[in-house]
């Protein structure tokens, strides 16, 4: 079987799994609420800035505090906390897929 056919089959299976469907449903709700979307976008930007600064060996104490403060706000909003949990589930699945592929290459 051609590898691209297998990837297409997997992609369709992934698109139709419960986790992806739930993520898309929650993302749509977030996108429909400009305030919640801005809060999530701000969190993602701060998280990215934190990760880059940490990789560069910078002092991230203040950035970490900002992230923790923003995280408290996120978790107090049920729509946002539900979306963030779904985002973590999707991220975990994707990381597991990459890990499996890396292990296959390493064999």
C-alpha atoms as a PDB file:
ATOM      1  CA  UNK A   1       0.000   0.000   0.000  1.00  0.00           C
ATOM      2  CA  UNK A   2       1.214   3.489  -0.823  1.00  0.00           C
ATOM      3  CA  UNK A   3       2.218   5.399   2.329  1.00  0.00           C
ATOM      4  CA  UNK A   4       0.182   8.423   1.247  1.00  0.00           C
ATOM      5  CA  UNK A   5      -2.961   6.311   1.058  1.00  0.00           C
ATOM      6  CA  UNK A   6      -2.313   5.161   4.616  1.00  0.00           C
ATOM      7  CA  UNK A   7      -1.785   8.748   5.743  1.00  0.00           C
ATOM      8  CA  UNK A   8      -5.014   9.824   4.068  1.00  0.00           C
ATOM      9  CA  UNK A   9      -6.901   7.002   5.784  1.00  0.00           C
ATOM     10  CA  UNK A  10      -5.376   7.940   9.141  1.00  0.00           C
ATOM     11  CA  UNK A  11      -6.136  11.618   8.569  1.00  0.00           C
ATOM     12  CA  UNK A  12      -9.792  10.829   7.927  1.00  0.00           C
ATOM     13  CA  UNK A  13      -9.933   8.599  11.022  1.00  0.00           C
ATOM     14  CA  UNK A  14      -8.323  11.337  13.114  1.00  0.00           C
ATOM     15  CA  UNK A  15     -10.690  13.981  11.769  1.00  0.00           C
ATOM     16  CA  UNK A  16     -13.657  11.826  12.782  1.00  0.00           C
ATOM     17  CA  UNK A  17     -12.485  10.811  16.252  1.00  0.00           C
ATOM     18  CA  UNK A  18     -14.422  12.084  19.280  1.00  0.00           C
ATOM     19  CA  UNK A  19     -11.531  14.206  20.562  1.00  0.00           C
ATOM     20  CA  UNK A  20     -11.199  16.166  17.314  1.00  0.00           C
ATOM     21  CA  UNK A  21     -14.948  16.619  16.975  1.00  0.00           C
ATOM     22  CA  UNK A  22     -15.139  17.946  20.539  1.00  0.00           C
ATOM     23  CA  UNK A  23     -12.148  20.240  19.986  1.00  0.00           C
ATOM     24  CA  UNK A  24     -13.729  21.693  16.837  1.00  0.00           C
ATOM     25  CA  UNK A  25     -17.062  22.203  18.601  1.00  0.00           C
ATOM     26  CA  UNK A  26     -15.415  24.029  21.494  1.00  0.00           C
ATOM     27  CA  UNK A  27     -13.130  26.049  19.186  1.00  0.00           C
ATOM     28  CA  UNK A  28     -16.182  27.259  17.276  1.00  0.00           C
ATOM     29  CA  UNK A  29     -17.745  28.428  20.560  1.00  0.00           C
ATOM     30  CA  UNK A  30     -14.542  30.271  21.474  1.00  0.00           C
ATOM     31  CA  UNK A  31     -14.265  31.875  18.034  1.00  0.00           C
ATOM     32  CA  UNK A  32     -17.840  33.144  18.333  1.00  0.00           C
ATOM     33  CA  UNK A  33     -16.997  34.997  21.545  1.00  0.00           C
ATOM     34  CA  UNK A  34     -14.456  37.781  20.812  1.00  0.00           C
ATOM     35  CA  UNK A  35     -13.621  38.298  24.489  1.00  0.00           C
ATOM     36  CA  UNK A  36     -12.835  34.618  25.110  1.00  0.00           C
ATOM     37  CA  UNK A  37     -10.926  34.393  21.825  1.00  0.00           C
ATOM     38  CA  UNK A  38      -8.755  37.360  22.843  1.00  0.00           C
ATOM     39  CA  UNK A  39      -8.046  35.814  26.249  1.00  0.00           C
ATOM     40  CA  UNK A  40      -6.973  32.520  24.646  1.00  0.00           C
ATOM     41  CA  UNK A  41      -4.896  34.285  21.990  1.00  0.00           C
ATOM     42  CA  UNK A  42      -3.159  36.325  24.709  1.00  0.00           C
ATOM     43  CA  UNK A  43      -2.453  33.162  26.678  1.00  0.00           C
ATOM     44  CA  UNK A  44      -0.979  31.400  23.625  1.00  0.00           C
ATOM     45  CA  UNK A  45       1.235  34.426  22.874  1.00  0.00           C
ATOM     46  CA  UNK A  46       2.462  34.656  26.464  1.00  0.00           C
ATOM     47  CA  UNK A  47       3.086  30.894  26.533  1.00  0.00           C
ATOM     48  CA  UNK A  48       5.102  31.096  23.307  1.00  0.00           C
ATOM     49  CA  UNK A  49       7.117  34.070  24.621  1.00  0.00           C
ATOM     50  CA  UNK A  50       7.777  32.160  27.851  1.00  0.00           C
ATOM     51  CA  UNK A  51       8.963  29.044  25.988  1.00  0.00           C
ATOM     52  CA  UNK A  52      11.282  31.045  23.715  1.00  0.00           C
ATOM     53  CA  UNK A  53      12.721  32.994  26.650  1.00  0.00           C
ATOM     54  CA  UNK A  54      13.279  29.792  28.626  1.00  0.00           C
ATOM     55  CA  UNK A  55      15.017  28.127  25.662  1.00  0.00           C
ATOM     56  CA  UNK A  56      17.248  31.177  25.354  1.00  0.00           C
ATOM     57  CA  UNK A  57      18.274  30.879  29.002  1.00  0.00           C
ATOM     58  CA  UNK A  58      16.559  34.101  30.049  1.00  0.00           C
ATOM     59  CA  UNK A  59      15.098  34.720  33.491  1.00  0.00           C
ATOM     60  CA  UNK A  60      11.449  33.723  33.086  1.00  0.00           C
ATOM     61  CA  UNK A  61      10.251  34.426  36.623  1.00  0.00           C
ATOM     62  CA  UNK A  62       8.040  37.373  35.620  1.00  0.00           C
ATOM     63  CA  UNK A  63       6.715  35.630  32.507  1.00  0.00           C
ATOM     64  CA  UNK A  64       5.899  32.578  34.609  1.00  0.00           C
ATOM     65  CA  UNK A  65       3.967  34.722  37.082  1.00  0.00           C
ATOM     66  CA  UNK A  66       2.006  36.328  34.229  1.00  0.00           C
ATOM     67  CA  UNK A  67       1.176  32.898  32.831  1.00  0.00           C
ATOM     68  CA  UNK A  68       0.018  31.649  36.227  1.00  0.00           C
ATOM     69  CA  UNK A  69      -2.164  34.737  36.726  1.00  0.00           C
ATOM     70  CA  UNK A  70      -3.681  34.381  33.269  1.00  0.00           C
ATOM     71  CA  UNK A  71      -4.194  30.650  33.826  1.00  0.00           C
ATOM     72  CA  UNK A  72      -6.258  31.430  36.950  1.00  0.00           C
ATOM     73  CA  UNK A  73      -8.483  33.666  34.808  1.00  0.00           C
ATOM     74  CA  UNK A  74      -8.756  30.965  32.137  1.00  0.00           C
ATOM     75  CA  UNK A  75      -9.804  28.290  34.595  1.00  0.00           C
ATOM     76  CA  UNK A  76     -12.500  30.513  36.121  1.00  0.00           C
ATOM     77  CA  UNK A  77     -14.254  30.691  32.739  1.00  0.00           C
ATOM     78  CA  UNK A  78     -15.988  27.381  32.014  1.00  0.00           C
ATOM     79  CA  UNK A  79     -16.008  27.792  28.208  1.00  0.00           C
ATOM     80  CA  UNK A  80     -12.305  28.587  28.150  1.00  0.00           C
ATOM     81  CA  UNK A  81     -11.307  25.868  30.612  1.00  0.00           C
ATOM     82  CA  UNK A  82     -13.291  23.294  28.627  1.00  0.00           C
ATOM     83  CA  UNK A  83     -11.601  24.408  25.408  1.00  0.00           C
ATOM     84  CA  UNK A  84      -8.143  24.378  27.001  1.00  0.00           C
ATOM     85  CA  UNK A  85      -8.705  20.823  28.271  1.00  0.00           C
ATOM     86  CA  UNK A  86      -9.712  19.722  24.753  1.00  0.00           C
ATOM     87  CA  UNK A  87      -6.652  21.478  23.361  1.00  0.00           C
ATOM     88  CA  UNK A  88      -4.431  19.545  25.766  1.00  0.00           C
ATOM     89  CA  UNK A  89      -6.056  16.254  24.725  1.00  0.00           C
ATOM     90  CA  UNK A  90      -5.438  16.992  21.016  1.00  0.00           C
ATOM     91  CA  UNK A  91      -1.871  18.081  21.734  1.00  0.00           C
ATOM     92  CA  UNK A  92      -1.223  14.876  23.675  1.00  0.00           C
ATOM     93  CA  UNK A  93      -2.538  12.736  20.824  1.00  0.00           C
ATOM     94  CA  UNK A  94      -0.401  14.610  18.300  1.00  0.00           C
ATOM     95  CA  UNK A  95       2.699  14.282  20.487  1.00  0.00           C
ATOM     96  CA  UNK A  96       2.034  10.549  20.849  1.00  0.00           C
ATOM     97  CA  UNK A  97       1.770  10.214  17.048  1.00  0.00           C
ATOM     98  CA  UNK A  98       5.068  12.019  16.522  1.00  0.00           C
ATOM     99  CA  UNK A  99       6.720   9.872  19.210  1.00  0.00           C
ATOM    100  CA  UNK A 100       5.485   6.682  17.499  1.00  0.00           C
ATOM    101  CA  UNK A 101       6.837   7.865  14.149  1.00  0.00           C
ATOM    102  CA  UNK A 102      10.182   8.791  15.700  1.00  0.00           C
ATOM    103  CA  UNK A 103      10.424   5.361  17.350  1.00  0.00           C
ATOM    104  CA  UNK A 104       9.686   3.704  14.001  1.00  0.00           C
ATOM    105  CA  UNK A 105      12.518   5.599  12.340  1.00  0.00           C
ATOM    106  CA  UNK A 106      14.908   4.848  15.224  1.00  0.00           C
ATOM    107  CA  UNK A 107      14.366   1.067  14.969  1.00  0.00           C
END
